[in-house]
């Protein structure tokens, strides 16, 4: 790979740092619901979503349920090590919206980081941002209503996709919120009655963006502010 992909983390690399990674990057097209890792899997590959593609982290809880804890799109990467030793997935990591994803062997990244302090620094700062995002989600799940969280997740999905039509089913939204499908459907119906959202088969349409923002909590804004301060970009 010679040209810069549409992944902001890779775009932020210096020319020399990108050239350390470019020979090892493999571009693949993945469909929605493709599972990158199951909880407990050993991680040997880092994934960089490009364009509108994004993936989610679904953390298992009791009763065979899962709760979404993180969305990662073209602003970042999935599978970065959190420290020394084996890198294990704590969540089921699944493609939420399909598209192009770049694969990089973890070993190739580790070798490149040994050769470049600036490369190591950038990925360390991004890992810190991702941790902050996880902490914000934990606080959000404890403090905010289902409607606020639903609006937050829909806005986050819209920002990754860049359009008003979100390819998100009621069942997928329920998984993101950690509630039953019927509960998620009632929340959507409430937002539809207020003419904030509309639905079509397999998708949610945003009719009134400002009203949706007003219905959401401020967690997305807090995360974006932290990304800007730590990484020096929006």
C-alpha atoms as a PDB file:
ATOM      1  CA  UNK A   1       0.000   0.000   0.000  1.00  0.00           C
ATOM      2  CA  UNK A   2       1.414   3.371  -1.059  1.00  0.00           C
ATOM      3  CA  UNK A   3      -1.462   5.891  -0.829  1.00  0.00           C
ATOM      4  CA  UNK A   4      -2.909   7.024   2.477  1.00  0.00           C
ATOM      5  CA  UNK A   5      -6.133   5.179   3.389  1.00  0.00           C
ATOM      6  CA  UNK A   6      -9.215   6.940   4.748  1.00  0.00           C
ATOM      7  CA  UNK A   7      -8.336   6.157   8.355  1.00  0.00           C
ATOM      8  CA  UNK A   8      -7.549   9.223  10.475  1.00  0.00           C
ATOM      9  CA  UNK A   9      -5.071   7.460  12.734  1.00  0.00           C
ATOM     10  CA  UNK A  10      -3.000   6.312   9.754  1.00  0.00           C
ATOM     11  CA  UNK A  11      -3.354   9.710   8.094  1.00  0.00           C
ATOM     12  CA  UNK A  12      -1.849  11.352  11.163  1.00  0.00           C
ATOM     13  CA  UNK A  13       1.394   9.350  10.847  1.00  0.00           C
ATOM     14  CA  UNK A  14       4.475  11.014   9.447  1.00  0.00           C
ATOM     15  CA  UNK A  15       5.630   9.807   6.032  1.00  0.00           C
ATOM     16  CA  UNK A  16       8.460   7.801   7.577  1.00  0.00           C
ATOM     17  CA  UNK A  17       6.184   6.160  10.143  1.00  0.00           C
ATOM     18  CA  UNK A  18       3.554   5.288   7.554  1.00  0.00           C
ATOM     19  CA  UNK A  19       6.199   3.701   5.342  1.00  0.00           C
ATOM     20  CA  UNK A  20       7.129   1.388   8.210  1.00  0.00           C
ATOM     21  CA  UNK A  21       3.562   0.036   8.260  1.00  0.00           C
ATOM     22  CA  UNK A  22       2.486   0.286   4.607  1.00  0.00           C
ATOM     23  CA  UNK A  23       4.120  -2.967   3.348  1.00  0.00           C
ATOM     24  CA  UNK A  24       2.214  -4.936   5.985  1.00  0.00           C
ATOM     25  CA  UNK A  25      -1.262  -3.407   5.532  1.00  0.00           C
ATOM     26  CA  UNK A  26      -3.856  -5.596   3.821  1.00  0.00           C
ATOM     27  CA  UNK A  27      -7.142  -4.146   2.584  1.00  0.00           C
ATOM     28  CA  UNK A  28     -10.261  -6.310   2.964  1.00  0.00           C
ATOM     29  CA  UNK A  29     -13.969  -5.645   2.495  1.00  0.00           C
ATOM     30  CA  UNK A  30     -16.029  -6.924   5.411  1.00  0.00           C
ATOM     31  CA  UNK A  31     -19.808  -7.188   5.629  1.00  0.00           C
ATOM     32  CA  UNK A  32     -21.955  -6.116   8.571  1.00  0.00           C
ATOM     33  CA  UNK A  33     -22.066  -8.696  11.383  1.00  0.00           C
ATOM     34  CA  UNK A  34     -18.643 -10.102  10.495  1.00  0.00           C
ATOM     35  CA  UNK A  35     -17.002 -11.076  13.789  1.00  0.00           C
ATOM     36  CA  UNK A  36     -13.397  -9.951  14.183  1.00  0.00           C
ATOM     37  CA  UNK A  37     -12.916 -11.509  17.628  1.00  0.00           C
ATOM     38  CA  UNK A  38     -14.899 -13.399  20.213  1.00  0.00           C
ATOM     39  CA  UNK A  39     -14.383 -12.616  23.897  1.00  0.00           C
ATOM     40  CA  UNK A  40     -11.293 -14.475  25.065  1.00  0.00           C
ATOM     41  CA  UNK A  41      -9.679 -14.724  21.615  1.00  0.00           C
ATOM     42  CA  UNK A  42      -5.974 -14.022  21.295  1.00  0.00           C
ATOM     43  CA  UNK A  43      -5.498 -10.894  19.153  1.00  0.00           C
ATOM     44  CA  UNK A  44      -2.771 -11.079  16.536  1.00  0.00           C
ATOM     45  CA  UNK A  45      -4.075  -8.493  14.057  1.00  0.00           C
ATOM     46  CA  UNK A  46      -4.865  -4.787  14.365  1.00  0.00           C
ATOM     47  CA  UNK A  47      -7.821  -3.564  12.277  1.00  0.00           C
ATOM     48  CA  UNK A  48      -8.184  -0.018  10.918  1.00  0.00           C
ATOM     49  CA  UNK A  49     -11.742   0.765   9.712  1.00  0.00           C
ATOM     50  CA  UNK A  50     -11.875   3.084   6.687  1.00  0.00           C
ATOM     51  CA  UNK A  51     -14.585   5.360   5.310  1.00  0.00           C
ATOM     52  CA  UNK A  52     -18.032   4.635   6.770  1.00  0.00           C
ATOM     53  CA  UNK A  53     -17.107   1.205   8.183  1.00  0.00           C
ATOM     54  CA  UNK A  54     -17.186   0.849  11.949  1.00  0.00           C
ATOM     55  CA  UNK A  55     -17.081  -1.924  14.507  1.00  0.00           C
ATOM     56  CA  UNK A  56     -18.483  -2.348  18.001  1.00  0.00           C
ATOM     57  CA  UNK A  57     -17.305  -3.936  21.237  1.00  0.00           C
ATOM     58  CA  UNK A  58     -20.027  -6.043  22.872  1.00  0.00           C
ATOM     59  CA  UNK A  59     -19.152  -7.040  26.440  1.00  0.00           C
ATOM     60  CA  UNK A  60     -20.837 -10.232  27.699  1.00  0.00           C
ATOM     61  CA  UNK A  61     -22.892 -10.049  30.879  1.00  0.00           C
ATOM     62  CA  UNK A  62     -25.159 -12.531  32.656  1.00  0.00           C
ATOM     63  CA  UNK A  63     -28.177 -14.209  31.017  1.00  0.00           C
ATOM     64  CA  UNK A  64     -26.281 -14.475  27.695  1.00  0.00           C
ATOM     65  CA  UNK A  65     -26.708 -10.747  27.111  1.00  0.00           C
ATOM     66  CA  UNK A  66     -24.166  -8.297  25.762  1.00  0.00           C
ATOM     67  CA  UNK A  67     -23.799  -4.543  26.219  1.00  0.00           C
ATOM     68  CA  UNK A  68     -22.089  -2.262  23.715  1.00  0.00           C
ATOM     69  CA  UNK A  69     -19.163  -0.422  25.247  1.00  0.00           C
ATOM     70  CA  UNK A  70     -17.383   1.120  22.279  1.00  0.00           C
ATOM     71  CA  UNK A  71     -17.768   2.067  18.629  1.00  0.00           C
ATOM     72  CA  UNK A  72     -14.623   2.411  16.532  1.00  0.00           C
ATOM     73  CA  UNK A  73     -14.620   3.795  13.008  1.00  0.00           C
ATOM     74  CA  UNK A  74     -12.191   5.571  10.737  1.00  0.00           C
ATOM     75  CA  UNK A  75     -10.919   7.682  13.642  1.00  0.00           C
ATOM     76  CA  UNK A  76      -9.043   4.759  15.163  1.00  0.00           C
ATOM     77  CA  UNK A  77      -8.091   1.112  15.345  1.00  0.00           C
ATOM     78  CA  UNK A  78      -9.148  -2.164  16.946  1.00  0.00           C
ATOM     79  CA  UNK A  79      -6.821  -4.666  18.569  1.00  0.00           C
ATOM     80  CA  UNK A  80      -4.061  -2.419  19.882  1.00  0.00           C
ATOM     81  CA  UNK A  81      -2.239  -4.038  22.816  1.00  0.00           C
ATOM     82  CA  UNK A  82      -2.938  -2.580  26.251  1.00  0.00           C
ATOM     83  CA  UNK A  83       0.385  -3.675  27.724  1.00  0.00           C
ATOM     84  CA  UNK A  84       3.014  -6.373  27.652  1.00  0.00           C
ATOM     85  CA  UNK A  85       2.080 -10.010  27.411  1.00  0.00           C
ATOM     86  CA  UNK A  86      -0.713 -11.760  25.468  1.00  0.00           C
ATOM     87  CA  UNK A  87      -3.370  -9.513  23.962  1.00  0.00           C
ATOM     88  CA  UNK A  88      -6.807 -11.035  24.625  1.00  0.00           C
ATOM     89  CA  UNK A  89     -10.198  -9.744  23.517  1.00  0.00           C
ATOM     90  CA  UNK A  90     -12.457  -8.924  26.472  1.00  0.00           C
ATOM     91  CA  UNK A  91     -15.453  -8.320  24.192  1.00  0.00           C
ATOM     92  CA  UNK A  92     -17.012  -9.682  21.046  1.00  0.00           C
ATOM     93  CA  UNK A  93     -15.755  -7.315  18.353  1.00  0.00           C
ATOM     94  CA  UNK A  94     -18.083  -7.222  15.361  1.00  0.00           C
ATOM     95  CA  UNK A  95     -18.436  -5.148  12.203  1.00  0.00           C
ATOM     96  CA  UNK A  96     -21.529  -2.987  12.661  1.00  0.00           C
ATOM     97  CA  UNK A  97     -21.478  -1.253   9.264  1.00  0.00           C
ATOM     98  CA  UNK A  98     -19.547  -2.988   6.514  1.00  0.00           C
ATOM     99  CA  UNK A  99     -16.854  -1.539   4.325  1.00  0.00           C
ATOM    100  CA  UNK A 100     -13.108  -1.459   3.872  1.00  0.00           C
ATOM    101  CA  UNK A 101     -10.933  -2.467   6.804  1.00  0.00           C
ATOM    102  CA  UNK A 102      -7.130  -2.590   6.828  1.00  0.00           C
ATOM    103  CA  UNK A 103      -5.413  -5.455   8.597  1.00  0.00           C
ATOM    104  CA  UNK A 104      -1.969  -5.134  10.163  1.00  0.00           C
ATOM    105  CA  UNK A 105      -0.216  -8.027  11.921  1.00  0.00           C
ATOM    106  CA  UNK A 106       0.348  -7.043  15.535  1.00  0.00           C
ATOM    107  CA  UNK A 107       3.925  -8.246  15.297  1.00  0.00           C
ATOM    108  CA  UNK A 108       4.589  -5.833  12.409  1.00  0.00           C
ATOM    109  CA  UNK A 109       3.239  -2.941  14.480  1.00  0.00           C
ATOM    110  CA  UNK A 110       5.380  -3.892  17.467  1.00  0.00           C
ATOM    111  CA  UNK A 111       8.504  -4.062  15.291  1.00  0.00           C
ATOM    112  CA  UNK A 112       7.710  -0.666  13.734  1.00  0.00           C
ATOM    113  CA  UNK A 113       7.211   0.871  17.174  1.00  0.00           C
ATOM    114  CA  UNK A 114      10.647  -0.368  18.224  1.00  0.00           C
ATOM    115  CA  UNK A 115      12.096   1.606  15.309  1.00  0.00           C
ATOM    116  CA  UNK A 116      10.088   4.808  15.820  1.00  0.00           C
ATOM    117  CA  UNK A 117       9.432   6.652  19.082  1.00  0.00           C
ATOM    118  CA  UNK A 118       6.918   8.956  17.372  1.00  0.00           C
ATOM    119  CA  UNK A 119       4.908   5.969  16.098  1.00  0.00           C
ATOM    120  CA  UNK A 120       4.904   4.460  19.567  1.00  0.00           C
ATOM    121  CA  UNK A 121       3.814   7.785  21.068  1.00  0.00           C
ATOM    122  CA  UNK A 122       0.869   8.266  18.694  1.00  0.00           C
ATOM    123  CA  UNK A 123      -0.552   4.794  19.307  1.00  0.00           C
ATOM    124  CA  UNK A 124      -0.043   5.173  23.059  1.00  0.00           C
ATOM    125  CA  UNK A 125      -2.006   8.433  22.995  1.00  0.00           C
ATOM    126  CA  UNK A 126      -4.759   6.803  20.949  1.00  0.00           C
ATOM    127  CA  UNK A 127      -4.935   3.886  23.422  1.00  0.00           C
ATOM    128  CA  UNK A 128      -5.366   6.438  26.222  1.00  0.00           C
ATOM    129  CA  UNK A 129      -8.235   8.037  24.282  1.00  0.00           C
ATOM    130  CA  UNK A 130      -9.891   4.661  23.822  1.00  0.00           C
ATOM    131  CA  UNK A 131      -9.656   4.004  27.558  1.00  0.00           C
ATOM    132  CA  UNK A 132     -11.257   7.390  28.241  1.00  0.00           C
ATOM    133  CA  UNK A 133     -14.040   6.475  25.826  1.00  0.00           C
ATOM    134  CA  UNK A 134     -14.661   3.202  27.696  1.00  0.00           C
ATOM    135  CA  UNK A 135     -14.774   5.011  31.033  1.00  0.00           C
ATOM    136  CA  UNK A 136     -17.241   7.551  29.621  1.00  0.00           C
ATOM    137  CA  UNK A 137     -19.466   4.718  28.385  1.00  0.00           C
ATOM    138  CA  UNK A 138     -19.412   3.058  31.811  1.00  0.00           C
ATOM    139  CA  UNK A 139     -20.491   6.332  33.435  1.00  0.00           C
ATOM    140  CA  UNK A 140     -23.121   6.892  30.738  1.00  0.00           C
ATOM    141  CA  UNK A 141     -24.663   3.456  31.254  1.00  0.00           C
ATOM    142  CA  UNK A 142     -24.992   4.165  34.974  1.00  0.00           C
ATOM    143  CA  UNK A 143     -26.205   7.767  34.862  1.00  0.00           C
ATOM    144  CA  UNK A 144     -28.346   8.305  31.773  1.00  0.00           C
ATOM    145  CA  UNK A 145     -31.754   7.137  30.609  1.00  0.00           C
ATOM    146  CA  UNK A 146     -32.321   4.591  27.864  1.00  0.00           C
ATOM    147  CA  UNK A 147     -33.655   7.353  25.565  1.00  0.00           C
ATOM    148  CA  UNK A 148     -30.580   9.528  26.142  1.00  0.00           C
ATOM    149  CA  UNK A 149     -28.275   6.589  25.457  1.00  0.00           C
ATOM    150  CA  UNK A 150     -30.240   5.538  22.360  1.00  0.00           C
ATOM    151  CA  UNK A 151     -29.965   9.043  20.930  1.00  0.00           C
ATOM    152  CA  UNK A 152     -26.242   9.076  21.773  1.00  0.00           C
ATOM    153  CA  UNK A 153     -25.554   5.785  19.976  1.00  0.00           C
ATOM    154  CA  UNK A 154     -27.570   6.817  16.911  1.00  0.00           C
ATOM    155  CA  UNK A 155     -25.650  10.103  16.699  1.00  0.00           C
ATOM    156  CA  UNK A 156     -22.344   8.238  17.096  1.00  0.00           C
ATOM    157  CA  UNK A 157     -23.319   5.889  14.270  1.00  0.00           C
ATOM    158  CA  UNK A 158     -24.333   8.841  12.096  1.00  0.00           C
ATOM    159  CA  UNK A 159     -20.968  10.527  12.675  1.00  0.00           C
ATOM    160  CA  UNK A 160     -19.153   7.395  11.573  1.00  0.00           C
ATOM    161  CA  UNK A 161     -21.307   6.924   8.479  1.00  0.00           C
ATOM    162  CA  UNK A 162     -21.721  10.561   7.486  1.00  0.00           C
ATOM    163  CA  UNK A 163     -25.361  10.346   6.411  1.00  0.00           C
ATOM    164  CA  UNK A 164     -28.905  10.639   7.746  1.00  0.00           C
ATOM    165  CA  UNK A 165     -29.785   6.982   7.102  1.00  0.00           C
ATOM    166  CA  UNK A 166     -28.285   4.615   9.655  1.00  0.00           C
ATOM    167  CA  UNK A 167     -28.280   0.898   8.714  1.00  0.00           C
ATOM    168  CA  UNK A 168     -29.296  -0.141  12.213  1.00  0.00           C
ATOM    169  CA  UNK A 169     -32.093  -2.532  13.147  1.00  0.00           C
ATOM    170  CA  UNK A 170     -34.150  -2.452  16.343  1.00  0.00           C
ATOM    171  CA  UNK A 171     -32.360  -5.626  17.435  1.00  0.00           C
ATOM    172  CA  UNK A 172     -28.928  -4.078  16.883  1.00  0.00           C
ATOM    173  CA  UNK A 173     -29.901  -0.951  18.805  1.00  0.00           C
ATOM    174  CA  UNK A 174     -31.211  -3.145  21.622  1.00  0.00           C
ATOM    175  CA  UNK A 175     -27.819  -4.859  21.760  1.00  0.00           C
ATOM    176  CA  UNK A 176     -26.072  -1.492  21.925  1.00  0.00           C
ATOM    177  CA  UNK A 177     -28.274  -0.484  24.862  1.00  0.00           C
ATOM    178  CA  UNK A 178     -28.271  -3.838  26.659  1.00  0.00           C
ATOM    179  CA  UNK A 179     -32.085  -4.027  26.678  1.00  0.00           C
ATOM    180  CA  UNK A 180     -34.723  -6.212  25.049  1.00  0.00           C
ATOM    181  CA  UNK A 181     -35.752  -5.619  21.452  1.00  0.00           C
ATOM    182  CA  UNK A 182     -39.245  -4.611  22.546  1.00  0.00           C
ATOM    183  CA  UNK A 183     -37.809  -1.962  24.894  1.00  0.00           C
ATOM    184  CA  UNK A 184     -35.617  -0.554  22.109  1.00  0.00           C
ATOM    185  CA  UNK A 185     -38.635  -0.494  19.782  1.00  0.00           C
ATOM    186  CA  UNK A 186     -40.632   1.535  22.338  1.00  0.00           C
ATOM    187  CA  UNK A 187     -37.811   4.090  22.545  1.00  0.00           C
ATOM    188  CA  UNK A 188     -37.716   4.373  18.758  1.00  0.00           C
ATOM    189  CA  UNK A 189     -41.491   4.750  18.621  1.00  0.00           C
ATOM    190  CA  UNK A 190     -41.279   7.613  21.129  1.00  0.00           C
ATOM    191  CA  UNK A 191     -38.702   9.403  18.956  1.00  0.00           C
ATOM    192  CA  UNK A 192     -40.790   8.718  15.859  1.00  0.00           C
ATOM    193  CA  UNK A 193     -43.881  10.221  17.521  1.00  0.00           C
ATOM    194  CA  UNK A 194     -41.848  13.390  18.119  1.00  0.00           C
ATOM    195  CA  UNK A 195     -40.834  13.360  14.415  1.00  0.00           C
ATOM    196  CA  UNK A 196     -37.175  13.049  15.321  1.00  0.00           C
ATOM    197  CA  UNK A 197     -36.701   9.661  13.651  1.00  0.00           C
ATOM    198  CA  UNK A 198     -38.323   7.559  10.971  1.00  0.00           C
ATOM    199  CA  UNK A 199     -37.657   3.929  10.130  1.00  0.00           C
ATOM    200  CA  UNK A 200     -37.492   1.738   7.104  1.00  0.00           C
ATOM    201  CA  UNK A 201     -36.573  -1.923   6.840  1.00  0.00           C
ATOM    202  CA  UNK A 202     -33.156  -2.383   8.419  1.00  0.00           C
ATOM    203  CA  UNK A 203     -32.478   1.333   8.890  1.00  0.00           C
ATOM    204  CA  UNK A 204     -33.177   4.377  11.059  1.00  0.00           C
ATOM    205  CA  UNK A 205     -33.638   7.783   9.408  1.00  0.00           C
ATOM    206  CA  UNK A 206     -32.763  10.983  11.245  1.00  0.00           C
ATOM    207  CA  UNK A 207     -35.398  13.625  10.491  1.00  0.00           C
ATOM    208  CA  UNK A 208     -34.452  16.276  13.059  1.00  0.00           C
ATOM    209  CA  UNK A 209     -30.768  16.285  13.966  1.00  0.00           C
ATOM    210  CA  UNK A 210     -30.895  19.164  16.479  1.00  0.00           C
ATOM    211  CA  UNK A 211     -33.818  17.554  18.329  1.00  0.00           C
ATOM    212  CA  UNK A 212     -31.933  14.247  18.431  1.00  0.00           C
ATOM    213  CA  UNK A 213     -28.910  16.055  19.871  1.00  0.00           C
ATOM    214  CA  UNK A 214     -31.151  17.640  22.507  1.00  0.00           C
ATOM    215  CA  UNK A 215     -32.467  14.168  23.431  1.00  0.00           C
ATOM    216  CA  UNK A 216     -28.967  12.719  23.869  1.00  0.00           C
ATOM    217  CA  UNK A 217     -26.600  12.973  26.801  1.00  0.00           C
ATOM    218  CA  UNK A 218     -23.362  14.947  26.473  1.00  0.00           C
ATOM    219  CA  UNK A 219     -21.071  11.894  26.497  1.00  0.00           C
ATOM    220  CA  UNK A 220     -20.231  11.986  22.776  1.00  0.00           C
ATOM    221  CA  UNK A 221     -19.104  15.585  23.107  1.00  0.00           C
ATOM    222  CA  UNK A 222     -16.922  14.774  26.111  1.00  0.00           C
ATOM    223  CA  UNK A 223     -15.204  11.966  24.226  1.00  0.00           C
ATOM    224  CA  UNK A 224     -14.591  14.094  21.131  1.00  0.00           C
ATOM    225  CA  UNK A 225     -13.150  16.889  23.278  1.00  0.00           C
ATOM    226  CA  UNK A 226     -10.737  14.418  24.872  1.00  0.00           C
ATOM    227  CA  UNK A 227      -9.683  13.061  21.451  1.00  0.00           C
ATOM    228  CA  UNK A 228      -9.011  16.595  20.267  1.00  0.00           C
ATOM    229  CA  UNK A 229      -6.943  17.489  23.312  1.00  0.00           C
ATOM    230  CA  UNK A 230      -4.864  14.292  23.388  1.00  0.00           C
ATOM    231  CA  UNK A 231      -4.425  13.639  19.669  1.00  0.00           C
ATOM    232  CA  UNK A 232      -4.475  17.246  18.513  1.00  0.00           C
ATOM    233  CA  UNK A 233      -7.244  16.736  15.959  1.00  0.00           C
ATOM    234  CA  UNK A 234     -11.069  16.621  15.859  1.00  0.00           C
END
